[in-house]
ModelCIF file with pLDDT and N, C-alpha, C, O atoms, coordinates in Angstrom:
data_MODEL
#
_entry.id   MODEL 
#
_entity.id                         1 
_entity.type                       polymer 
_entity.pdbx_number_of_molecules   1 
#
_entity_poly.entity_id                      1 
_entity_poly.type                           'polypeptide(L)' 
_entity_poly.nstd_linkage                   no 
_entity_poly.nstd_monomer                   no 
_entity_poly.pdbx_seq_one_letter_code       GKVLNGLTPENIRVYASEIERRHPRHGTDRLLGADGQQVHRTDKP 
_entity_poly.pdbx_seq_one_letter_code_can   GKVLNGLTPENIRVYASEIERRHPRHGTDRLLGADGQQVHRTDKP 
_entity_poly.pdbx_strand_id                 A 
#
loop_
_entity_poly_seq.entity_id 
_entity_poly_seq.num 
_entity_poly_seq.mon_id 
_entity_poly_seq.hetero 
1 1  GLY n 
1 2  LYS n 
1 3  VAL n 
1 4  LEU n 
1 5  ASN n 
1 6  GLY n 
1 7  LEU n 
1 8  THR n 
1 9  PRO n 
1 10 GLU n 
1 11 ASN n 
1 12 ILE n 
1 13 ARG n 
1 14 VAL n 
1 15 TYR n 
1 16 ALA n 
1 17 SER n 
1 18 GLU n 
1 19 ILE n 
1 20 GLU n 
1 21 ARG n 
1 22 ARG n 
1 23 HIS n 
1 24 PRO n 
1 25 ARG n 
1 26 HIS n 
1 27 GLY n 
1 28 THR n 
1 29 ASP n 
1 30 ARG n 
1 31 LEU n 
1 32 LEU n 
1 33 GLY n 
1 34 ALA n 
1 35 ASP n 
1 36 GLY n 
1 37 GLN n 
1 38 GLN n 
1 39 VAL n 
1 40 HIS n 
1 41 ARG n 
1 42 THR n 
1 43 ASP n 
1 44 LYS n 
1 45 PRO n 
#
_struct_asym.id          A 
_struct_asym.entity_id   1 
#
loop_
_ma_qa_metric.id 
_ma_qa_metric.mode 
_ma_qa_metric.name 
_ma_qa_metric.software_group_id 
_ma_qa_metric.type 
1 global pLDDT . pLDDT 
2 local  pLDDT . pLDDT 
#
_ma_qa_metric_global.metric_id      1 
_ma_qa_metric_global.metric_value   88.64 
_ma_qa_metric_global.model_id       1 
_ma_qa_metric_global.ordinal_id     1 
#
loop_
_ma_qa_metric_local.label_asym_id 
_ma_qa_metric_local.label_comp_id 
_ma_qa_metric_local.label_seq_id 
_ma_qa_metric_local.metric_id 
_ma_qa_metric_local.metric_value 
_ma_qa_metric_local.model_id 
_ma_qa_metric_local.ordinal_id 
A GLY 1  2 92.00 1 1  
A LYS 2  2 91.00 1 2  
A VAL 3  2 91.00 1 3  
A LEU 4  2 93.00 1 4  
A ASN 5  2 91.00 1 5  
A GLY 6  2 90.00 1 6  
A LEU 7  2 91.00 1 7  
A THR 8  2 94.00 1 8  
A PRO 9  2 95.00 1 9  
A GLU 10 2 95.00 1 10 
A ASN 11 2 95.00 1 11 
A ILE 12 2 96.00 1 12 
A ARG 13 2 97.00 1 13 
A VAL 14 2 96.00 1 14 
A TYR 15 2 95.00 1 15 
A ALA 16 2 95.00 1 16 
A SER 17 2 95.00 1 17 
A GLU 18 2 93.00 1 18 
A ILE 19 2 92.00 1 19 
A GLU 20 2 90.00 1 20 
A ARG 21 2 90.00 1 21 
A ARG 22 2 88.00 1 22 
A HIS 23 2 84.00 1 23 
A PRO 24 2 79.00 1 24 
A ARG 25 2 75.00 1 25 
A HIS 26 2 68.00 1 26 
A GLY 27 2 60.00 1 27 
A THR 28 2 66.00 1 28 
A ASP 29 2 85.00 1 29 
A ARG 30 2 88.00 1 30 
A LEU 31 2 89.00 1 31 
A LEU 32 2 86.00 1 32 
A GLY 33 2 82.00 1 33 
A ALA 34 2 79.00 1 34 
A ASP 35 2 85.00 1 35 
A GLY 36 2 89.00 1 36 
A GLN 37 2 88.00 1 37 
A GLN 38 2 93.00 1 38 
A VAL 39 2 94.00 1 39 
A HIS 40 2 94.00 1 40 
A ARG 41 2 92.00 1 41 
A THR 42 2 91.00 1 42 
A ASP 43 2 91.00 1 43 
A LYS 44 2 92.00 1 44 
A PRO 45 2 94.00 1 45 
#
loop_
_atom_site.group_PDB 
_atom_site.id 
_atom_site.type_symbol 
_atom_site.label_atom_id 
_atom_site.label_alt_id 
_atom_site.label_comp_id 
_atom_site.label_asym_id 
_atom_site.label_entity_id 
_atom_site.label_seq_id 
_atom_site.pdbx_PDB_ins_code 
_atom_site.Cartn_x 
_atom_site.Cartn_y 
_atom_site.Cartn_z 
_atom_site.occupancy 
_atom_site.B_iso_or_equiv 
_atom_site.pdbx_formal_charge 
_atom_site.auth_seq_id 
_atom_site.auth_comp_id 
_atom_site.auth_asym_id 
_atom_site.auth_atom_id 
_atom_site.pdbx_PDB_model_num 
ATOM 1   N N  . GLY A 1 1  ? 288.429 154.249 36.882 1.00 92.00 ? 1  GLY A N  1 
ATOM 2   C CA . GLY A 1 1  ? 287.763 155.126 37.844 1.00 92.00 ? 1  GLY A CA 1 
ATOM 3   C C  . GLY A 1 1  ? 288.583 155.322 39.100 1.00 92.00 ? 1  GLY A C  1 
ATOM 4   O O  . GLY A 1 1  ? 288.589 156.404 39.688 1.00 92.00 ? 1  GLY A O  1 
ATOM 5   N N  . LYS A 1 2  ? 289.287 154.256 39.515 1.00 91.00 ? 2  LYS A N  1 
ATOM 6   C CA . LYS A 1 2  ? 290.152 154.353 40.695 1.00 91.00 ? 2  LYS A CA 1 
ATOM 7   C C  . LYS A 1 2  ? 291.411 155.138 40.381 1.00 91.00 ? 2  LYS A C  1 
ATOM 8   O O  . LYS A 1 2  ? 291.834 155.988 41.164 1.00 91.00 ? 2  LYS A O  1 
ATOM 9   N N  . VAL A 1 3  ? 292.015 154.847 39.222 1.00 91.00 ? 3  VAL A N  1 
ATOM 10  C CA . VAL A 1 3  ? 293.248 155.545 38.826 1.00 91.00 ? 3  VAL A CA 1 
ATOM 11  C C  . VAL A 1 3  ? 293.007 157.038 38.662 1.00 91.00 ? 3  VAL A C  1 
ATOM 12  O O  . VAL A 1 3  ? 293.850 157.852 39.039 1.00 91.00 ? 3  VAL A O  1 
ATOM 13  N N  . LEU A 1 4  ? 291.851 157.400 38.097 1.00 93.00 ? 4  LEU A N  1 
ATOM 14  C CA . LEU A 1 4  ? 291.572 158.802 37.766 1.00 93.00 ? 4  LEU A CA 1 
ATOM 15  C C  . LEU A 1 4  ? 290.751 159.525 38.822 1.00 93.00 ? 4  LEU A C  1 
ATOM 16  O O  . LEU A 1 4  ? 290.418 160.699 38.653 1.00 93.00 ? 4  LEU A O  1 
ATOM 17  N N  . ASN A 1 5  ? 290.420 158.831 39.914 1.00 91.00 ? 5  ASN A N  1 
ATOM 18  C CA . ASN A 1 5  ? 289.538 159.419 40.928 1.00 91.00 ? 5  ASN A CA 1 
ATOM 19  C C  . ASN A 1 5  ? 288.209 159.849 40.307 1.00 91.00 ? 5  ASN A C  1 
ATOM 20  O O  . ASN A 1 5  ? 287.695 160.934 40.578 1.00 91.00 ? 5  ASN A O  1 
ATOM 21  N N  . GLY A 1 6  ? 287.670 158.963 39.464 1.00 90.00 ? 6  GLY A N  1 
ATOM 22  C CA . GLY A 1 6  ? 286.382 159.233 38.836 1.00 90.00 ? 6  GLY A CA 1 
ATOM 23  C C  . GLY A 1 6  ? 286.498 159.307 37.325 1.00 90.00 ? 6  GLY A C  1 
ATOM 24  O O  . GLY A 1 6  ? 287.426 159.919 36.797 1.00 90.00 ? 6  GLY A O  1 
ATOM 25  N N  . LEU A 1 7  ? 285.550 158.678 36.622 1.00 91.00 ? 7  LEU A N  1 
ATOM 26  C CA . LEU A 1 7  ? 285.547 158.701 35.156 1.00 91.00 ? 7  LEU A CA 1 
ATOM 27  C C  . LEU A 1 7  ? 284.789 159.925 34.665 1.00 91.00 ? 7  LEU A C  1 
ATOM 28  O O  . LEU A 1 7  ? 283.560 159.922 34.588 1.00 91.00 ? 7  LEU A O  1 
ATOM 29  N N  . THR A 1 8  ? 285.528 160.954 34.339 1.00 94.00 ? 8  THR A N  1 
ATOM 30  C CA . THR A 1 8  ? 284.940 162.151 33.749 1.00 94.00 ? 8  THR A CA 1 
ATOM 31  C C  . THR A 1 8  ? 285.683 162.447 32.454 1.00 94.00 ? 8  THR A C  1 
ATOM 32  O O  . THR A 1 8  ? 286.838 162.045 32.310 1.00 94.00 ? 8  THR A O  1 
ATOM 33  N N  . PRO A 1 9  ? 285.051 163.141 31.505 1.00 95.00 ? 9  PRO A N  1 
ATOM 34  C CA . PRO A 1 9  ? 285.762 163.456 30.255 1.00 95.00 ? 9  PRO A CA 1 
ATOM 35  C C  . PRO A 1 9  ? 287.012 164.288 30.506 1.00 95.00 ? 9  PRO A C  1 
ATOM 36  O O  . PRO A 1 9  ? 288.013 164.127 29.808 1.00 95.00 ? 9  PRO A O  1 
ATOM 37  N N  . GLU A 1 10 ? 286.965 165.178 31.499 1.00 95.00 ? 10 GLU A N  1 
ATOM 38  C CA . GLU A 1 10 ? 288.138 165.997 31.805 1.00 95.00 ? 10 GLU A CA 1 
ATOM 39  C C  . GLU A 1 10 ? 289.293 165.122 32.291 1.00 95.00 ? 10 GLU A C  1 
ATOM 40  O O  . GLU A 1 10 ? 290.431 165.283 31.849 1.00 95.00 ? 10 GLU A O  1 
ATOM 41  N N  . ASN A 1 11 ? 288.992 164.190 33.208 1.00 95.00 ? 11 ASN A N  1 
ATOM 42  C CA . ASN A 1 11 ? 290.030 163.303 33.733 1.00 95.00 ? 11 ASN A CA 1 
ATOM 43  C C  . ASN A 1 11 ? 290.610 162.402 32.648 1.00 95.00 ? 11 ASN A C  1 
ATOM 44  O O  . ASN A 1 11 ? 291.819 162.184 32.587 1.00 95.00 ? 11 ASN A O  1 
ATOM 45  N N  . ILE A 1 12 ? 289.727 161.880 31.791 1.00 96.00 ? 12 ILE A N  1 
ATOM 46  C CA . ILE A 1 12 ? 290.185 160.988 30.730 1.00 96.00 ? 12 ILE A CA 1 
ATOM 47  C C  . ILE A 1 12 ? 291.066 161.736 29.741 1.00 96.00 ? 12 ILE A C  1 
ATOM 48  O O  . ILE A 1 12 ? 292.085 161.211 29.293 1.00 96.00 ? 12 ILE A O  1 
ATOM 49  N N  . ARG A 1 13 ? 290.672 162.974 29.396 1.00 97.00 ? 13 ARG A N  1 
ATOM 50  C CA . ARG A 1 13 ? 291.469 163.776 28.464 1.00 97.00 ? 13 ARG A CA 1 
ATOM 51  C C  . ARG A 1 13 ? 292.859 164.051 29.033 1.00 97.00 ? 13 ARG A C  1 
ATOM 52  O O  . ARG A 1 13 ? 293.857 163.891 28.331 1.00 97.00 ? 13 ARG A O  1 
ATOM 53  N N  . VAL A 1 14 ? 292.932 164.455 30.278 1.00 96.00 ? 14 VAL A N  1 
ATOM 54  C CA . VAL A 1 14 ? 294.216 164.757 30.910 1.00 96.00 ? 14 VAL A CA 1 
ATOM 55  C C  . VAL A 1 14 ? 295.076 163.496 30.980 1.00 96.00 ? 14 VAL A C  1 
ATOM 56  O O  . VAL A 1 14 ? 296.276 163.543 30.710 1.00 96.00 ? 14 VAL A O  1 
ATOM 57  N N  . TYR A 1 15 ? 294.464 162.376 31.339 1.00 95.00 ? 15 TYR A N  1 
ATOM 58  C CA . TYR A 1 15 ? 295.198 161.112 31.475 1.00 95.00 ? 15 TYR A CA 1 
ATOM 59  C C  . TYR A 1 15 ? 295.775 160.667 30.133 1.00 95.00 ? 15 TYR A C  1 
ATOM 60  O O  . TYR A 1 15 ? 296.948 160.305 30.050 1.00 95.00 ? 15 TYR A O  1 
ATOM 61  N N  . ALA A 1 16 ? 294.949 160.693 29.078 1.00 95.00 ? 16 ALA A N  1 
ATOM 62  C CA . ALA A 1 16 ? 295.418 160.282 27.752 1.00 95.00 ? 16 ALA A CA 1 
ATOM 63  C C  . ALA A 1 16 ? 296.503 161.215 27.245 1.00 95.00 ? 16 ALA A C  1 
ATOM 64  O O  . ALA A 1 16 ? 297.489 160.760 26.664 1.00 95.00 ? 16 ALA A O  1 
ATOM 65  N N  . SER A 1 17 ? 296.336 162.505 27.455 1.00 95.00 ? 17 SER A N  1 
ATOM 66  C CA . SER A 1 17 ? 297.338 163.474 27.010 1.00 95.00 ? 17 SER A CA 1 
ATOM 67  C C  . SER A 1 17 ? 298.659 163.274 27.739 1.00 95.00 ? 17 SER A C  1 
ATOM 68  O O  . SER A 1 17 ? 299.731 163.418 27.151 1.00 95.00 ? 17 SER A O  1 
ATOM 69  N N  . GLU A 1 18 ? 298.573 162.941 29.025 1.00 93.00 ? 18 GLU A N  1 
ATOM 70  C CA . GLU A 1 18 ? 299.786 162.737 29.820 1.00 93.00 ? 18 GLU A CA 1 
ATOM 71  C C  . GLU A 1 18 ? 300.526 161.482 29.363 1.00 93.00 ? 18 GLU A C  1 
ATOM 72  O O  . GLU A 1 18 ? 301.757 161.468 29.332 1.00 93.00 ? 18 GLU A O  1 
ATOM 73  N N  . ILE A 1 19 ? 299.788 160.431 29.010 1.00 92.00 ? 19 ILE A N  1 
ATOM 74  C CA . ILE A 1 19 ? 300.435 159.222 28.484 1.00 92.00 ? 19 ILE A CA 1 
ATOM 75  C C  . ILE A 1 19 ? 301.182 159.547 27.198 1.00 92.00 ? 19 ILE A C  1 
ATOM 76  O O  . ILE A 1 19 ? 302.316 159.109 27.006 1.00 92.00 ? 19 ILE A O  1 
ATOM 77  N N  . GLU A 1 20 ? 300.543 160.320 26.311 1.00 90.00 ? 20 GLU A N  1 
ATOM 78  C CA . GLU A 1 20 ? 301.194 160.706 25.066 1.00 90.00 ? 20 GLU A CA 1 
ATOM 79  C C  . GLU A 1 20 ? 302.455 161.530 25.324 1.00 90.00 ? 20 GLU A C  1 
ATOM 80  O O  . GLU A 1 20 ? 303.458 161.374 24.628 1.00 90.00 ? 20 GLU A O  1 
ATOM 81  N N  . ARG A 1 21 ? 302.398 162.396 26.317 1.00 90.00 ? 21 ARG A N  1 
ATOM 82  C CA . ARG A 1 21 ? 303.542 163.273 26.615 1.00 90.00 ? 21 ARG A CA 1 
ATOM 83  C C  . ARG A 1 21 ? 304.686 162.484 27.236 1.00 90.00 ? 21 ARG A C  1 
ATOM 84  O O  . ARG A 1 21 ? 305.845 162.681 26.871 1.00 90.00 ? 21 ARG A O  1 
ATOM 85  N N  . ARG A 1 22 ? 304.370 161.593 28.171 1.00 88.00 ? 22 ARG A N  1 
ATOM 86  C CA . ARG A 1 22 ? 305.405 160.886 28.912 1.00 88.00 ? 22 ARG A CA 1 
ATOM 87  C C  . ARG A 1 22 ? 306.014 159.707 28.148 1.00 88.00 ? 22 ARG A C  1 
ATOM 88  O O  . ARG A 1 22 ? 307.151 159.314 28.408 1.00 88.00 ? 22 ARG A O  1 
ATOM 89  N N  . HIS A 1 23 ? 305.261 159.154 27.219 1.00 84.00 ? 23 HIS A N  1 
ATOM 90  C CA . HIS A 1 23 ? 305.725 157.939 26.552 1.00 84.00 ? 23 HIS A CA 1 
ATOM 91  C C  . HIS A 1 23 ? 305.667 158.108 25.035 1.00 84.00 ? 23 HIS A C  1 
ATOM 92  O O  . HIS A 1 23 ? 304.805 157.526 24.377 1.00 84.00 ? 23 HIS A O  1 
ATOM 93  N N  . PRO A 1 24 ? 306.570 158.893 24.485 1.00 79.00 ? 24 PRO A N  1 
ATOM 94  C CA . PRO A 1 24 ? 306.618 158.999 23.024 1.00 79.00 ? 24 PRO A CA 1 
ATOM 95  C C  . PRO A 1 24 ? 306.921 157.632 22.419 1.00 79.00 ? 24 PRO A C  1 
ATOM 96  O O  . PRO A 1 24 ? 307.633 156.822 23.011 1.00 79.00 ? 24 PRO A O  1 
ATOM 97  N N  . ARG A 1 25 ? 306.378 157.392 21.249 1.00 75.00 ? 25 ARG A N  1 
ATOM 98  C CA . ARG A 1 25 ? 306.501 156.063 20.652 1.00 75.00 ? 25 ARG A CA 1 
ATOM 99  C C  . ARG A 1 25 ? 307.949 155.748 20.254 1.00 75.00 ? 25 ARG A C  1 
ATOM 100 O O  . ARG A 1 25 ? 308.650 156.579 19.676 1.00 75.00 ? 25 ARG A O  1 
ATOM 101 N N  . HIS A 1 26 ? 308.370 154.527 20.581 1.00 68.00 ? 26 HIS A N  1 
ATOM 102 C CA . HIS A 1 26 ? 309.684 154.035 20.168 1.00 68.00 ? 26 HIS A CA 1 
ATOM 103 C C  . HIS A 1 26 ? 309.508 152.633 19.590 1.00 68.00 ? 26 HIS A C  1 
ATOM 104 O O  . HIS A 1 26 ? 310.131 151.677 20.053 1.00 68.00 ? 26 HIS A O  1 
ATOM 105 N N  . GLY A 1 27 ? 308.656 152.521 18.579 1.00 60.00 ? 27 GLY A N  1 
ATOM 106 C CA . GLY A 1 27 ? 308.451 151.237 17.927 1.00 60.00 ? 27 GLY A CA 1 
ATOM 107 C C  . GLY A 1 27 ? 307.508 150.302 18.646 1.00 60.00 ? 27 GLY A C  1 
ATOM 108 O O  . GLY A 1 27 ? 307.416 149.131 18.279 1.00 60.00 ? 27 GLY A O  1 
ATOM 109 N N  . THR A 1 28 ? 306.805 150.775 19.656 1.00 66.00 ? 28 THR A N  1 
ATOM 110 C CA . THR A 1 28 ? 305.856 149.924 20.367 1.00 66.00 ? 28 THR A CA 1 
ATOM 111 C C  . THR A 1 28 ? 304.521 150.633 20.461 1.00 66.00 ? 28 THR A C  1 
ATOM 112 O O  . THR A 1 28 ? 304.457 151.862 20.489 1.00 66.00 ? 28 THR A O  1 
ATOM 113 N N  . ASP A 1 29 ? 303.463 149.853 20.509 1.00 85.00 ? 29 ASP A N  1 
ATOM 114 C CA . ASP A 1 29 ? 302.139 150.457 20.627 1.00 85.00 ? 29 ASP A CA 1 
ATOM 115 C C  . ASP A 1 29 ? 301.408 149.951 21.868 1.00 85.00 ? 29 ASP A C  1 
ATOM 116 O O  . ASP A 1 29 ? 300.195 150.125 21.984 1.00 85.00 ? 29 ASP A O  1 
ATOM 117 N N  . ARG A 1 30 ? 302.150 149.312 22.816 1.00 88.00 ? 30 ARG A N  1 
ATOM 118 C CA . ARG A 1 30 ? 301.505 148.783 24.004 1.00 88.00 ? 30 ARG A CA 1 
ATOM 119 C C  . ARG A 1 30 ? 302.246 149.217 25.258 1.00 88.00 ? 30 ARG A C  1 
ATOM 120 O O  . ARG A 1 30 ? 303.472 149.143 25.331 1.00 88.00 ? 30 ARG A O  1 
ATOM 121 N N  . LEU A 1 31 ? 301.483 149.668 26.238 1.00 89.00 ? 31 LEU A N  1 
ATOM 122 C CA . LEU A 1 31 ? 302.026 150.058 27.536 1.00 89.00 ? 31 LEU A CA 1 
ATOM 123 C C  . LEU A 1 31 ? 301.311 149.268 28.617 1.00 89.00 ? 31 LEU A C  1 
ATOM 124 O O  . LEU A 1 31 ? 300.106 149.036 28.523 1.00 89.00 ? 31 LEU A O  1 
ATOM 125 N N  . LEU A 1 32 ? 302.040 148.853 29.639 1.00 86.00 ? 32 LEU A N  1 
ATOM 126 C CA . LEU A 1 32 ? 301.469 148.157 30.782 1.00 86.00 ? 32 LEU A CA 1 
ATOM 127 C C  . LEU A 1 32 ? 301.610 149.042 32.006 1.00 86.00 ? 32 LEU A C  1 
ATOM 128 O O  . LEU A 1 32 ? 302.720 149.360 32.433 1.00 86.00 ? 32 LEU A O  1 
ATOM 129 N N  . GLY A 1 33 ? 300.481 149.435 32.562 1.00 82.00 ? 33 GLY A N  1 
ATOM 130 C CA . GLY A 1 33 ? 300.501 150.329 33.707 1.00 82.00 ? 33 GLY A CA 1 
ATOM 131 C C  . GLY A 1 33 ? 300.666 149.580 35.023 1.00 82.00 ? 33 GLY A C  1 
ATOM 132 O O  . GLY A 1 33 ? 300.265 148.423 35.150 1.00 82.00 ? 33 GLY A O  1 
ATOM 133 N N  . ALA A 1 34 ? 301.263 150.257 36.000 1.00 79.00 ? 34 ALA A N  1 
ATOM 134 C CA . ALA A 1 34 ? 301.501 149.626 37.299 1.00 79.00 ? 34 ALA A CA 1 
ATOM 135 C C  . ALA A 1 34 ? 300.203 149.299 38.028 1.00 79.00 ? 34 ALA A C  1 
ATOM 136 O O  . ALA A 1 34 ? 300.181 148.426 38.896 1.00 79.00 ? 34 ALA A O  1 
ATOM 137 N N  . ASP A 1 35 ? 299.122 149.993 37.682 1.00 85.00 ? 35 ASP A N  1 
ATOM 138 C CA . ASP A 1 35 ? 297.844 149.769 38.359 1.00 85.00 ? 35 ASP A CA 1 
ATOM 139 C C  . ASP A 1 35 ? 297.027 148.661 37.705 1.00 85.00 ? 35 ASP A C  1 
ATOM 140 O O  . ASP A 1 35 ? 295.917 148.376 38.154 1.00 85.00 ? 35 ASP A O  1 
ATOM 141 N N  . GLY A 1 36 ? 297.554 148.024 36.646 1.00 89.00 ? 36 GLY A N  1 
ATOM 142 C CA . GLY A 1 36 ? 296.845 146.927 36.015 1.00 89.00 ? 36 GLY A CA 1 
ATOM 143 C C  . GLY A 1 36 ? 296.203 147.271 34.690 1.00 89.00 ? 36 GLY A C  1 
ATOM 144 O O  . GLY A 1 36 ? 295.551 146.424 34.079 1.00 89.00 ? 36 GLY A O  1 
ATOM 145 N N  . GLN A 1 37 ? 296.376 148.505 34.235 1.00 88.00 ? 37 GLN A N  1 
ATOM 146 C CA . GLN A 1 37 ? 295.780 148.879 32.952 1.00 88.00 ? 37 GLN A CA 1 
ATOM 147 C C  . GLN A 1 37 ? 296.730 148.556 31.797 1.00 88.00 ? 37 GLN A C  1 
ATOM 148 O O  . GLN A 1 37 ? 297.948 148.684 31.925 1.00 88.00 ? 37 GLN A O  1 
ATOM 149 N N  . GLN A 1 38 ? 296.168 148.146 30.696 1.00 93.00 ? 38 GLN A N  1 
ATOM 150 C CA . GLN A 1 38 ? 296.923 147.913 29.470 1.00 93.00 ? 38 GLN A CA 1 
ATOM 151 C C  . GLN A 1 38 ? 296.441 148.932 28.438 1.00 93.00 ? 38 GLN A C  1 
ATOM 152 O O  . GLN A 1 38 ? 295.241 149.159 28.285 1.00 93.00 ? 38 GLN A O  1 
ATOM 153 N N  . VAL A 1 39 ? 297.397 149.541 27.733 1.00 94.00 ? 39 VAL A N  1 
ATOM 154 C CA . VAL A 1 39 ? 297.064 150.584 26.767 1.00 94.00 ? 39 VAL A CA 1 
ATOM 155 C C  . VAL A 1 39 ? 297.680 150.230 25.413 1.00 94.00 ? 39 VAL A C  1 
ATOM 156 O O  . VAL A 1 39 ? 298.898 150.104 25.287 1.00 94.00 ? 39 VAL A O  1 
ATOM 157 N N  . HIS A 1 40 ? 296.826 150.072 24.411 1.00 94.00 ? 40 HIS A N  1 
ATOM 158 C CA . HIS A 1 40 ? 297.288 149.917 23.037 1.00 94.00 ? 40 HIS A CA 1 
ATOM 159 C C  . HIS A 1 40 ? 297.146 151.267 22.350 1.00 94.00 ? 40 HIS A C  1 
ATOM 160 O O  . HIS A 1 40 ? 296.094 151.903 22.421 1.00 94.00 ? 40 HIS A O  1 
ATOM 161 N N  . ARG A 1 41 ? 298.218 151.701 21.683 1.00 92.00 ? 41 ARG A N  1 
ATOM 162 C CA . ARG A 1 41 ? 298.225 153.047 21.100 1.00 92.00 ? 41 ARG A CA 1 
ATOM 163 C C  . ARG A 1 41 ? 298.473 152.994 19.600 1.00 92.00 ? 41 ARG A C  1 
ATOM 164 O O  . ARG A 1 41 ? 299.169 152.118 19.086 1.00 92.00 ? 41 ARG A O  1 
ATOM 165 N N  . THR A 1 42 ? 297.879 153.958 18.923 1.00 91.00 ? 42 THR A N  1 
ATOM 166 C CA . THR A 1 42 ? 298.133 154.119 17.503 1.00 91.00 ? 42 THR A CA 1 
ATOM 167 C C  . THR A 1 42 ? 297.825 155.563 17.116 1.00 91.00 ? 42 THR A C  1 
ATOM 168 O O  . THR A 1 42 ? 297.073 156.253 17.804 1.00 91.00 ? 42 THR A O  1 
ATOM 169 N N  . ASP A 1 43 ? 298.406 156.006 16.023 1.00 91.00 ? 43 ASP A N  1 
ATOM 170 C CA . ASP A 1 43 ? 298.067 157.312 15.463 1.00 91.00 ? 43 ASP A CA 1 
ATOM 171 C C  . ASP A 1 43 ? 297.120 157.090 14.292 1.00 91.00 ? 43 ASP A C  1 
ATOM 172 O O  . ASP A 1 43 ? 297.499 156.473 13.296 1.00 91.00 ? 43 ASP A O  1 
ATOM 173 N N  . LYS A 1 44 ? 295.898 157.585 14.404 1.00 92.00 ? 44 LYS A N  1 
ATOM 174 C CA . LYS A 1 44 ? 294.923 157.447 13.329 1.00 92.00 ? 44 LYS A CA 1 
ATOM 175 C C  . LYS A 1 44 ? 295.039 158.640 12.381 1.00 92.00 ? 44 LYS A C  1 
ATOM 176 O O  . LYS A 1 44 ? 295.181 159.773 12.844 1.00 92.00 ? 44 LYS A O  1 
ATOM 177 N N  . PRO A 1 45 ? 294.983 158.415 11.069 1.00 94.00 ? 45 PRO A N  1 
ATOM 178 C CA . PRO A 1 45 ? 294.945 159.553 10.148 1.00 94.00 ? 45 PRO A CA 1 
ATOM 179 C C  . PRO A 1 45 ? 293.763 160.452 10.486 1.00 94.00 ? 45 PRO A C  1 
ATOM 180 O O  . PRO A 1 45 ? 293.553 161.469 9.827  1.00 94.00 ? 45 PRO A O  1 
#
């Protein structure tokens, strides 16, 4: 909520899409954010 200036579906969609755009997978499925968030990623069929 602090990172996104509010938990809204629009904010969450933009945030998740931006993570996908900025961090293409290179053999890892975990990202550690500077603000304290941890993100585990996978591609689901």
